[in-house]
Amino acid sequence: MRAIASTGAKRTAGPLGELPAVAETIPDFELSTWHGVMVPAATPKDVVQKLNREIQWVLDQPDIRQRFAAGGLDITGGTPDAFEGILKRDFTKYGKILAGAGIKPE
């Protein structure tokens, strides 16, 4: 098997070498994954902010960044509000795709 393109928004470099992005051929194409930490909606804002600071601190450590990069992964990190924006964007994007394909949750 040979990798021919990255599904992210831009070219990537990593264990597979530099790969062009599908978006270079199909404008606006992006299929990426993310990982996040969620807490119950009633969690106090100061607790959420502290968790975010501590997690971001870990993600900013050079050895952690290096381990992720060795696997071809980019660490983004960010704020709880930015993560909420990603969730809303993806729910909207994939909701339209599923509705267009006639797929309904069961």
PDB file of N, CA and C in Angstrom:
ATOM      1  N   MET A   1       0.840  -1.150   0.000  1.00  0.00           N
ATOM      2  CA  MET A   1       0.000   0.000   0.000  1.00  0.00           C
ATOM      3  C   MET A   1       0.899   1.231   0.000  1.00  0.00           C
ATOM      4  N   ARG A   2       0.496   2.265  -0.744  1.00  0.00           N
ATOM      5  CA  ARG A   2       1.270   3.486  -0.828  1.00  0.00           C
ATOM      6  C   ARG A   2       0.344   4.679  -0.625  1.00  0.00           C
ATOM      7  N   ALA A   3       0.687   5.538   0.309  1.00  0.00           N
ATOM      8  CA  ALA A   3      -0.105   6.742   0.546  1.00  0.00           C
ATOM      9  C   ALA A   3       0.094   7.704  -0.622  1.00  0.00           C
ATOM     10  N   ILE A   4      -1.007   8.280  -1.103  1.00  0.00           N
ATOM     11  CA  ILE A   4      -0.903   9.202  -2.232  1.00  0.00           C
ATOM     12  C   ILE A   4      -1.340  10.621  -1.892  1.00  0.00           C
ATOM     13  N   ALA A   5      -2.051  10.800  -0.774  1.00  0.00           N
ATOM     14  CA  ALA A   5      -2.508  12.140  -0.422  1.00  0.00           C
ATOM     15  C   ALA A   5      -2.915  12.200   1.043  1.00  0.00           C
ATOM     16  N   SER A   6      -2.935  13.409   1.551  1.00  0.00           N
ATOM     17  CA  SER A   6      -3.404  13.689   2.895  1.00  0.00           C
ATOM     18  C   SER A   6      -4.833  14.206   2.802  1.00  0.00           C
ATOM     19  N   THR A   7      -5.691  13.797   3.734  1.00  0.00           N
ATOM     20  CA  THR A   7      -7.069  14.282   3.707  1.00  0.00           C
ATOM     21  C   THR A   7      -7.261  15.561   4.514  1.00  0.00           C
ATOM     22  N   GLY A   8      -6.192  16.037   5.138  1.00  0.00           N
ATOM     23  CA  GLY A   8      -6.270  17.293   5.872  1.00  0.00           C
ATOM     24  C   GLY A   8      -6.358  18.477   4.917  1.00  0.00           C
ATOM     25  N   ALA A   9      -6.463  19.672   5.457  1.00  0.00           N
ATOM     26  CA  ALA A   9      -6.615  20.875   4.649  1.00  0.00           C
ATOM     27  C   ALA A   9      -5.319  21.293   3.951  1.00  0.00           C
ATOM     28  N   LYS A  10      -4.190  20.765   4.400  1.00  0.00           N
ATOM     29  CA  LYS A  10      -2.909  21.170   3.827  1.00  0.00           C
ATOM     30  C   LYS A  10      -1.965  19.978   3.744  1.00  0.00           C
ATOM     31  N   ARG A  11      -0.857  20.163   3.053  1.00  0.00           N
ATOM     32  CA  ARG A  11       0.155  19.112   2.958  1.00  0.00           C
ATOM     33  C   ARG A  11       0.668  18.754   4.346  1.00  0.00           C
ATOM     34  N   THR A  12       1.054  17.501   4.487  1.00  0.00           N
ATOM     35  CA  THR A  12       1.606  17.067   5.764  1.00  0.00           C
ATOM     36  C   THR A  12       2.939  16.385   5.546  1.00  0.00           C
ATOM     37  N   ALA A  13       3.754  16.436   6.557  1.00  0.00           N
ATOM     38  CA  ALA A  13       5.027  15.709   6.547  1.00  0.00           C
ATOM     39  C   ALA A  13       5.019  14.807   7.760  1.00  0.00           C
ATOM     40  N   GLY A  14       5.601  13.663   7.648  1.00  0.00           N
ATOM     41  CA  GLY A  14       5.625  12.740   8.770  1.00  0.00           C
ATOM     42  C   GLY A  14       6.246  11.437   8.339  1.00  0.00           C
ATOM     43  N   PRO A  15       5.840  10.359   8.980  1.00  0.00           N
ATOM     44  CA  PRO A  15       6.461   9.062   8.686  1.00  0.00           C
ATOM     45  C   PRO A  15       6.224   8.607   7.251  1.00  0.00           C
ATOM     46  N   LEU A  16       5.215   9.137   6.593  1.00  0.00           N
ATOM     47  CA  LEU A  16       4.932   8.764   5.206  1.00  0.00           C
ATOM     48  C   LEU A  16       5.592   9.701   4.212  1.00  0.00           C
ATOM     49  N   GLY A  17       6.355  10.653   4.702  1.00  0.00           N
ATOM     50  CA  GLY A  17       6.962  11.642   3.815  1.00  0.00           C
ATOM     51  C   GLY A  17       5.996  12.779   3.557  1.00  0.00           C
ATOM     52  N   GLU A  18       6.362  13.675   2.681  1.00  0.00           N
ATOM     53  CA  GLU A  18       5.468  14.792   2.371  1.00  0.00           C
ATOM     54  C   GLU A  18       4.410  14.328   1.387  1.00  0.00           C
ATOM     55  N   LEU A  19       3.174  14.501   1.786  1.00  0.00           N
ATOM     56  CA  LEU A  19       2.059  14.104   0.937  1.00  0.00           C
ATOM     57  C   LEU A  19       1.273  15.332   0.503  1.00  0.00           C
ATOM     58  N   PRO A  20       0.837  15.386  -0.754  1.00  0.00           N
ATOM     59  CA  PRO A  20      -0.025  16.488  -1.160  1.00  0.00           C
ATOM     60  C   PRO A  20      -1.390  16.326  -0.491  1.00  0.00           C
ATOM     61  N   ALA A  21      -2.118  17.406  -0.372  1.00  0.00           N
ATOM     62  CA  ALA A  21      -3.463  17.353   0.194  1.00  0.00           C
ATOM     63  C   ALA A  21      -4.469  17.109  -0.930  1.00  0.00           C
ATOM     64  N   VAL A  22      -5.504  16.333  -0.641  1.00  0.00           N
ATOM     65  CA  VAL A  22      -6.572  16.117  -1.615  1.00  0.00           C
ATOM     66  C   VAL A  22      -7.139  17.466  -2.059  1.00  0.00           C
ATOM     67  N   ALA A  23      -7.163  18.435  -1.153  1.00  0.00           N
ATOM     68  CA  ALA A  23      -7.704  19.765  -1.451  1.00  0.00           C
ATOM     69  C   ALA A  23      -6.952  20.469  -2.580  1.00  0.00           C
ATOM     70  N   GLU A  24      -5.754  20.021  -2.890  1.00  0.00           N
ATOM     71  CA  GLU A  24      -5.029  20.608  -4.018  1.00  0.00           C
ATOM     72  C   GLU A  24      -5.679  20.224  -5.343  1.00  0.00           C
ATOM     73  N   THR A  25      -6.430  19.138  -5.335  1.00  0.00           N
ATOM     74  CA  THR A  25      -7.138  18.686  -6.536  1.00  0.00           C
ATOM     75  C   THR A  25      -8.635  18.946  -6.427  1.00  0.00           C
ATOM     76  N   ILE A  26      -9.185  18.734  -5.237  1.00  0.00           N
ATOM     77  CA  ILE A  26     -10.612  18.954  -4.998  1.00  0.00           C
ATOM     78  C   ILE A  26     -10.730  20.094  -3.983  1.00  0.00           C
ATOM     79  N   PRO A  27     -10.972  21.327  -4.462  1.00  0.00           N
ATOM     80  CA  PRO A  27     -11.023  22.482  -3.558  1.00  0.00           C
ATOM     81  C   PRO A  27     -11.988  22.267  -2.382  1.00  0.00           C
ATOM     82  N   ASP A  28     -11.561  22.749  -1.222  1.00  0.00           N
ATOM     83  CA  ASP A  28     -12.337  22.699   0.027  1.00  0.00           C
ATOM     84  C   ASP A  28     -12.498  21.303   0.615  1.00  0.00           C
ATOM     85  N   PHE A  29     -11.834  20.296   0.044  1.00  0.00           N
ATOM     86  CA  PHE A  29     -11.921  18.952   0.619  1.00  0.00           C
ATOM     87  C   PHE A  29     -11.093  18.918   1.889  1.00  0.00           C
ATOM     88  N   GLU A  30     -11.711  18.430   2.945  1.00  0.00           N
ATOM     89  CA  GLU A  30     -10.980  18.209   4.193  1.00  0.00           C
ATOM     90  C   GLU A  30     -11.695  17.138   4.991  1.00  0.00           C
ATOM     91  N   LEU A  31     -10.957  16.148   5.388  1.00  0.00           N
ATOM     92  CA  LEU A  31     -11.468  15.095   6.256  1.00  0.00           C
ATOM     93  C   LEU A  31     -10.389  14.854   7.294  1.00  0.00           C
ATOM     94  N   SER A  32     -10.619  15.371   8.479  1.00  0.00           N
ATOM     95  CA  SER A  32      -9.612  15.235   9.519  1.00  0.00           C
ATOM     96  C   SER A  32     -10.251  14.697  10.790  1.00  0.00           C
ATOM     97  N   THR A  33      -9.417  14.212  11.654  1.00  0.00           N
ATOM     98  CA  THR A  33      -9.899  13.705  12.931  1.00  0.00           C
ATOM     99  C   THR A  33      -9.408  14.622  14.042  1.00  0.00           C
ATOM    100  N   TRP A  34     -10.052  14.538  15.156  1.00  0.00           N
ATOM    101  CA  TRP A  34      -9.623  15.308  16.309  1.00  0.00           C
ATOM    102  C   TRP A  34      -9.910  14.482  17.553  1.00  0.00           C
ATOM    103  N   HIS A  35      -9.230  14.840  18.601  1.00  0.00           N
ATOM    104  CA  HIS A  35      -9.464  14.244  19.917  1.00  0.00           C
ATOM    105  C   HIS A  35      -9.685  15.392  20.878  1.00  0.00           C
ATOM    106  N   GLY A  36     -10.584  15.219  21.786  1.00  0.00           N
ATOM    107  CA  GLY A  36     -10.853  16.274  22.743  1.00  0.00           C
ATOM    108  C   GLY A  36     -11.300  15.702  24.068  1.00  0.00           C
ATOM    109  N   VAL A  37     -11.299  16.548  25.057  1.00  0.00           N
ATOM    110  CA  VAL A  37     -11.755  16.169  26.388  1.00  0.00           C
ATOM    111  C   VAL A  37     -13.060  16.904  26.647  1.00  0.00           C
ATOM    112  N   MET A  38     -14.073  16.153  27.045  1.00  0.00           N
ATOM    113  CA  MET A  38     -15.374  16.754  27.335  1.00  0.00           C
ATOM    114  C   MET A  38     -15.727  16.508  28.790  1.00  0.00           C
ATOM    115  N   VAL A  39     -16.464  17.441  29.325  1.00  0.00           N
ATOM    116  CA  VAL A  39     -16.940  17.335  30.706  1.00  0.00           C
ATOM    117  C   VAL A  39     -18.441  17.620  30.694  1.00  0.00           C
ATOM    118  N   PRO A  40     -19.152  17.248  31.750  1.00  0.00           N
ATOM    119  CA  PRO A  40     -20.583  17.553  31.807  1.00  0.00           C
ATOM    120  C   PRO A  40     -20.831  19.062  31.674  1.00  0.00           C
ATOM    121  N   ALA A  41     -21.941  19.415  31.065  1.00  0.00           N
ATOM    122  CA  ALA A  41     -22.272  20.826  30.826  1.00  0.00           C
ATOM    123  C   ALA A  41     -22.292  21.657  32.104  1.00  0.00           C
ATOM    124  N   ALA A  42     -22.619  21.045  33.222  1.00  0.00           N
ATOM    125  CA  ALA A  42     -22.722  21.785  34.488  1.00  0.00           C
ATOM    126  C   ALA A  42     -21.366  21.981  35.184  1.00  0.00           C
ATOM    127  N   THR A  43     -20.284  21.538  34.581  1.00  0.00           N
ATOM    128  CA  THR A  43     -18.968  21.694  35.207  1.00  0.00           C
ATOM    129  C   THR A  43     -18.649  23.182  35.342  1.00  0.00           C
ATOM    130  N   PRO A  44     -18.235  23.620  36.533  1.00  0.00           N
ATOM    131  CA  PRO A  44     -17.918  25.034  36.720  1.00  0.00           C
ATOM    132  C   PRO A  44     -16.840  25.515  35.735  1.00  0.00           C
ATOM    133  N   LYS A  45     -17.016  26.726  35.243  1.00  0.00           N
ATOM    134  CA  LYS A  45     -16.109  27.290  34.239  1.00  0.00           C
ATOM    135  C   LYS A  45     -14.655  27.321  34.725  1.00  0.00           C
ATOM    136  N   ASP A  46     -14.437  27.600  36.013  1.00  0.00           N
ATOM    137  CA  ASP A  46     -13.058  27.641  36.504  1.00  0.00           C
ATOM    138  C   ASP A  46     -12.398  26.258  36.458  1.00  0.00           C
ATOM    139  N   VAL A  47     -13.191  25.208  36.652  1.00  0.00           N
ATOM    140  CA  VAL A  47     -12.664  23.838  36.560  1.00  0.00           C
ATOM    141  C   VAL A  47     -12.310  23.530  35.099  1.00  0.00           C
ATOM    142  N   VAL A  48     -13.178  23.924  34.186  1.00  0.00           N
ATOM    143  CA  VAL A  48     -12.929  23.713  32.751  1.00  0.00           C
ATOM    144  C   VAL A  48     -11.651  24.442  32.334  1.00  0.00           C
ATOM    145  N   GLN A  49     -11.497  25.676  32.785  1.00  0.00           N
ATOM    146  CA  GLN A  49     -10.311  26.465  32.427  1.00  0.00           C
ATOM    147  C   GLN A  49      -9.043  25.833  32.995  1.00  0.00           C
ATOM    148  N   LYS A  50      -9.109  25.340  34.222  1.00  0.00           N
ATOM    149  CA  LYS A  50      -7.933  24.697  34.824  1.00  0.00           C
ATOM    150  C   LYS A  50      -7.562  23.425  34.063  1.00  0.00           C
ATOM    151  N   LEU A  51      -8.540  22.595  33.745  1.00  0.00           N
ATOM    152  CA  LEU A  51      -8.277  21.393  32.956  1.00  0.00           C
ATOM    153  C   LEU A  51      -7.641  21.765  31.619  1.00  0.00           C
ATOM    154  N   ASN A  52      -8.179  22.782  30.986  1.00  0.00           N
ATOM    155  CA  ASN A  52      -7.649  23.208  29.693  1.00  0.00           C
ATOM    156  C   ASN A  52      -6.204  23.667  29.813  1.00  0.00           C
ATOM    157  N   ARG A  53      -5.898  24.454  30.824  1.00  0.00           N
ATOM    158  CA  ARG A  53      -4.516  24.927  31.029  1.00  0.00           C
ATOM    159  C   ARG A  53      -3.564  23.762  31.231  1.00  0.00           C
ATOM    160  N   GLU A  54      -3.963  22.805  32.071  1.00  0.00           N
ATOM    161  CA  GLU A  54      -3.096  21.667  32.377  1.00  0.00           C
ATOM    162  C   GLU A  54      -2.896  20.770  31.149  1.00  0.00           C
ATOM    163  N   ILE A  55      -3.950  20.514  30.415  1.00  0.00           N
ATOM    164  CA  ILE A  55      -3.835  19.688  29.208  1.00  0.00           C
ATOM    165  C   ILE A  55      -2.973  20.404  28.173  1.00  0.00           C
ATOM    166  N   GLN A  56      -3.186  21.704  28.013  1.00  0.00           N
ATOM    167  CA  GLN A  56      -2.383  22.465  27.050  1.00  0.00           C
ATOM    168  C   GLN A  56      -0.910  22.454  27.450  1.00  0.00           C
ATOM    169  N   TRP A  57      -0.636  22.536  28.743  1.00  0.00           N
ATOM    170  CA  TRP A  57       0.755  22.483  29.218  1.00  0.00           C
ATOM    171  C   TRP A  57       1.407  21.176  28.784  1.00  0.00           C
ATOM    172  N   VAL A  58       0.694  20.065  28.979  1.00  0.00           N
ATOM    173  CA  VAL A  58       1.233  18.758  28.577  1.00  0.00           C
ATOM    174  C   VAL A  58       1.472  18.738  27.063  1.00  0.00           C
ATOM    175  N   LEU A  59       0.509  19.207  26.296  1.00  0.00           N
ATOM    176  CA  LEU A  59       0.639  19.191  24.831  1.00  0.00           C
ATOM    177  C   LEU A  59       1.762  20.094  24.330  1.00  0.00           C
ATOM    178  N   ASP A  60       2.147  21.073  25.106  1.00  0.00           N
ATOM    179  CA  ASP A  60       3.226  21.990  24.710  1.00  0.00           C
ATOM    180  C   ASP A  60       4.623  21.439  25.016  1.00  0.00           C
ATOM    181  N   GLN A  61       4.713  20.305  25.706  1.00  0.00           N
ATOM    182  CA  GLN A  61       6.025  19.748  26.048  1.00  0.00           C
ATOM    183  C   GLN A  61       6.710  19.220  24.779  1.00  0.00           C
ATOM    184  N   PRO A  62       7.973  19.586  24.573  1.00  0.00           N
ATOM    185  CA  PRO A  62       8.682  19.172  23.351  1.00  0.00           C
ATOM    186  C   PRO A  62       8.668  17.668  23.094  1.00  0.00           C
ATOM    187  N   ASP A  63       8.835  16.853  24.137  1.00  0.00           N
ATOM    188  CA  ASP A  63       8.850  15.399  23.906  1.00  0.00           C
ATOM    189  C   ASP A  63       7.480  14.884  23.478  1.00  0.00           C
ATOM    190  N   ILE A  64       6.432  15.475  23.997  1.00  0.00           N
ATOM    191  CA  ILE A  64       5.067  15.084  23.592  1.00  0.00           C
ATOM    192  C   ILE A  64       4.838  15.488  22.140  1.00  0.00           C
ATOM    193  N   ARG A  65       5.214  16.709  21.793  1.00  0.00           N
ATOM    194  CA  ARG A  65       5.048  17.185  20.416  1.00  0.00           C
ATOM    195  C   ARG A  65       5.829  16.291  19.448  1.00  0.00           C
ATOM    196  N   GLN A  66       7.024  15.894  19.876  1.00  0.00           N
ATOM    197  CA  GLN A  66       7.870  15.048  19.035  1.00  0.00           C
ATOM    198  C   GLN A  66       7.232  13.675  18.825  1.00  0.00           C
ATOM    199  N   ARG A  67       6.660  13.120  19.861  1.00  0.00           N
ATOM    200  CA  ARG A  67       6.007  11.805  19.744  1.00  0.00           C
ATOM    201  C   ARG A  67       4.823  11.860  18.779  1.00  0.00           C
ATOM    202  N   PHE A  68       4.029  12.901  18.895  1.00  0.00           N
ATOM    203  CA  PHE A  68       2.890  13.051  17.987  1.00  0.00           C
ATOM    204  C   PHE A  68       3.386  13.242  16.558  1.00  0.00           C
ATOM    205  N   ALA A  69       4.381  14.094  16.377  1.00  0.00           N
ATOM    206  CA  ALA A  69       4.917  14.366  15.038  1.00  0.00           C
ATOM    207  C   ALA A  69       5.483  13.102  14.405  1.00  0.00           C
ATOM    208  N   ALA A  70       6.113  12.255  15.203  1.00  0.00           N
ATOM    209  CA  ALA A  70       6.674  11.002  14.682  1.00  0.00           C
ATOM    210  C   ALA A  70       5.582  10.100  14.123  1.00  0.00           C
ATOM    211  N   GLY A  71       4.379  10.267  14.620  1.00  0.00           N
ATOM    212  CA  GLY A  71       3.245   9.503  14.120  1.00  0.00           C
ATOM    213  C   GLY A  71       2.476  10.224  13.034  1.00  0.00           C
ATOM    214  N   GLY A  72       3.018  11.385  12.597  1.00  0.00           N
ATOM    215  CA  GLY A  72       2.363  12.149  11.543  1.00  0.00           C
ATOM    216  C   GLY A  72       1.185  12.974  12.023  1.00  0.00           C
ATOM    217  N   LEU A  73       1.130  13.247  13.328  1.00  0.00           N
ATOM    218  CA  LEU A  73       0.010  13.989  13.890  1.00  0.00           C
ATOM    219  C   LEU A  73       0.431  15.390  14.312  1.00  0.00           C
ATOM    220  N   ASP A  74      -0.451  16.346  14.067  1.00  0.00           N
ATOM    221  CA  ASP A  74      -0.226  17.722  14.502  1.00  0.00           C
ATOM    222  C   ASP A  74      -0.992  17.961  15.787  1.00  0.00           C
ATOM    223  N   ILE A  75      -0.351  18.600  16.744  1.00  0.00           N
ATOM    224  CA  ILE A  75      -1.031  18.991  17.979  1.00  0.00           C
ATOM    225  C   ILE A  75      -1.507  20.425  17.795  1.00  0.00           C
ATOM    226  N   THR A  76      -2.793  20.620  18.010  1.00  0.00           N
ATOM    227  CA  THR A  76      -3.346  21.967  17.878  1.00  0.00           C
ATOM    228  C   THR A  76      -3.608  22.578  19.247  1.00  0.00           C
ATOM    229  N   GLY A  77      -4.327  21.855  20.090  1.00  0.00           N
ATOM    230  CA  GLY A  77      -4.701  22.425  21.379  1.00  0.00           C
ATOM    231  C   GLY A  77      -5.656  23.581  21.165  1.00  0.00           C
ATOM    232  N   GLY A  78      -5.868  24.363  22.180  1.00  0.00           N
ATOM    233  CA  GLY A  78      -6.745  25.519  22.036  1.00  0.00           C
ATOM    234  C   GLY A  78      -7.632  25.715  23.237  1.00  0.00           C
ATOM    235  N   THR A  79      -8.637  26.522  23.030  1.00  0.00           N
ATOM    236  CA  THR A  79      -9.545  26.890  24.114  1.00  0.00           C
ATOM    237  C   THR A  79     -10.824  26.051  24.056  1.00  0.00           C
ATOM    238  N   PRO A  80     -11.548  26.000  25.170  1.00  0.00           N
ATOM    239  CA  PRO A  80     -12.838  25.309  25.150  1.00  0.00           C
ATOM    240  C   PRO A  80     -13.790  25.914  24.100  1.00  0.00           C
ATOM    241  N   ASP A  81     -13.768  27.224  23.940  1.00  0.00           N
ATOM    242  CA  ASP A  81     -14.637  27.862  22.944  1.00  0.00           C
ATOM    243  C   ASP A  81     -14.252  27.458  21.525  1.00  0.00           C
ATOM    244  N   ALA A  82     -12.949  27.352  21.254  1.00  0.00           N
ATOM    245  CA  ALA A  82     -12.497  26.926  19.929  1.00  0.00           C
ATOM    246  C   ALA A  82     -12.930  25.483  19.666  1.00  0.00           C
ATOM    247  N   PHE A  83     -12.845  24.624  20.665  1.00  0.00           N
ATOM    248  CA  PHE A  83     -13.264  23.234  20.511  1.00  0.00           C
ATOM    249  C   PHE A  83     -14.766  23.162  20.262  1.00  0.00           C
ATOM    250  N   GLU A  84     -15.523  23.986  20.963  1.00  0.00           N
ATOM    251  CA  GLU A  84     -16.972  24.037  20.739  1.00  0.00           C
ATOM    252  C   GLU A  84     -17.264  24.423  19.284  1.00  0.00           C
ATOM    253  N   GLY A  85     -16.478  25.352  18.748  1.00  0.00           N
ATOM    254  CA  GLY A  85     -16.651  25.754  17.352  1.00  0.00           C
ATOM    255  C   GLY A  85     -16.381  24.601  16.393  1.00  0.00           C
ATOM    256  N   ILE A  86     -15.361  23.801  16.687  1.00  0.00           N
ATOM    257  CA  ILE A  86     -15.038  22.635  15.858  1.00  0.00           C
ATOM    258  C   ILE A  86     -16.192  21.634  15.907  1.00  0.00           C
ATOM    259  N   LEU A  87     -16.723  21.389  17.091  1.00  0.00           N
ATOM    260  CA  LEU A  87     -17.846  20.462  17.229  1.00  0.00           C
ATOM    261  C   LEU A  87     -19.052  20.933  16.425  1.00  0.00           C
ATOM    262  N   LYS A  88     -19.391  22.200  16.547  1.00  0.00           N
ATOM    263  CA  LYS A  88     -20.542  22.749  15.812  1.00  0.00           C
ATOM    264  C   LYS A  88     -20.316  22.655  14.304  1.00  0.00           C
ATOM    265  N   ARG A  89     -19.105  22.994  13.856  1.00  0.00           N
ATOM    266  CA  ARG A  89     -18.777  22.920  12.437  1.00  0.00           C
ATOM    267  C   ARG A  89     -18.945  21.498  11.911  1.00  0.00           C
ATOM    268  N   ASP A  90     -18.400  20.531  12.649  1.00  0.00           N
ATOM    269  CA  ASP A  90     -18.460  19.146  12.190  1.00  0.00           C
ATOM    270  C   ASP A  90     -19.870  18.571  12.260  1.00  0.00           C
ATOM    271  N   PHE A  91     -20.638  18.920  13.289  1.00  0.00           N
ATOM    272  CA  PHE A  91     -22.019  18.447  13.358  1.00  0.00           C
ATOM    273  C   PHE A  91     -22.810  18.976  12.166  1.00  0.00           C
ATOM    274  N   THR A  92     -22.605  20.228  11.816  1.00  0.00           N
ATOM    275  CA  THR A  92     -23.291  20.816  10.667  1.00  0.00           C
ATOM    276  C   THR A  92     -22.841  20.156   9.372  1.00  0.00           C
ATOM    277  N   LYS A  93     -21.533  20.056   9.184  1.00  0.00           N
ATOM    278  CA  LYS A  93     -20.962  19.488   7.951  1.00  0.00           C
ATOM    279  C   LYS A  93     -21.432  18.052   7.732  1.00  0.00           C
ATOM    280  N   TYR A  94     -21.227  17.201   8.723  1.00  0.00           N
ATOM    281  CA  TYR A  94     -21.573  15.794   8.557  1.00  0.00           C
ATOM    282  C   TYR A  94     -23.077  15.556   8.632  1.00  0.00           C
ATOM    283  N   GLY A  95     -23.791  16.425   9.321  1.00  0.00           N
ATOM    284  CA  GLY A  95     -25.256  16.340   9.337  1.00  0.00           C
ATOM    285  C   GLY A  95     -25.822  16.546   7.937  1.00  0.00           C
ATOM    286  N   LYS A  96     -25.269  17.513   7.203  1.00  0.00           N
ATOM    287  CA  LYS A  96     -25.719  17.753   5.826  1.00  0.00           C
ATOM    288  C   LYS A  96     -25.383  16.565   4.928  1.00  0.00           C
ATOM    289  N   ILE A  97     -24.213  16.003   5.101  1.00  0.00           N
ATOM    290  CA  ILE A  97     -23.811  14.843   4.283  1.00  0.00           C
ATOM    291  C   ILE A  97     -24.747  13.670   4.554  1.00  0.00           C
ATOM    292  N   LEU A  98     -25.034  13.400   5.826  1.00  0.00           N
ATOM    293  CA  LEU A  98     -25.902  12.280   6.177  1.00  0.00           C
ATOM    294  C   LEU A  98     -27.332  12.517   5.669  1.00  0.00           C
ATOM    295  N   ALA A  99     -27.829  13.739   5.826  1.00  0.00           N
ATOM    296  CA  ALA A  99     -29.184  14.056   5.347  1.00  0.00           C
ATOM    297  C   ALA A  99     -29.250  13.919   3.832  1.00  0.00           C
ATOM    298  N   GLY A 100     -28.225  14.402   3.133  1.00  0.00           N
ATOM    299  CA  GLY A 100     -28.186  14.298   1.682  1.00  0.00           C
ATOM    300  C   GLY A 100     -28.156  12.871   1.193  1.00  0.00           C
ATOM    301  N   ALA A 101     -27.573  11.981   1.995  1.00  0.00           N
ATOM    302  CA  ALA A 101     -27.498  10.567   1.632  1.00  0.00           C
ATOM    303  C   ALA A 101     -28.721   9.791   2.140  1.00  0.00           C
ATOM    304  N   GLY A 102     -29.620  10.486   2.840  1.00  0.00           N
ATOM    305  CA  GLY A 102     -30.824   9.831   3.361  1.00  0.00           C
ATOM    306  C   GLY A 102     -30.548   8.923   4.552  1.00  0.00           C
ATOM    307  N   ILE A 103     -29.437   9.149   5.239  1.00  0.00           N
ATOM    308  CA  ILE A 103     -29.093   8.324   6.399  1.00  0.00           C
ATOM    309  C   ILE A 103     -29.706   8.941   7.645  1.00  0.00           C
ATOM    310  N   LYS A 104     -30.434   8.129   8.387  1.00  0.00           N
ATOM    311  CA  LYS A 104     -31.104   8.618   9.599  1.00  0.00           C
ATOM    312  C   LYS A 104     -30.597   7.845  10.807  1.00  0.00           C
ATOM    313  N   PRO A 105     -30.423   8.533  11.937  1.00  0.00           N
ATOM    314  CA  PRO A 105     -29.995   7.814  13.151  1.00  0.00           C
ATOM    315  C   PRO A 105     -31.083   6.842  13.604  1.00  0.00           C
ATOM    316  N   GLU A 106     -30.647   5.748  14.152  1.00  0.00           N
ATOM    317  CA  GLU A 106     -31.605   4.753  14.656  1.00  0.00           C
ATOM    318  C   GLU A 106     -31.545   4.680  16.155  1.00  0.00           C
TER     319      GLU A 106
END
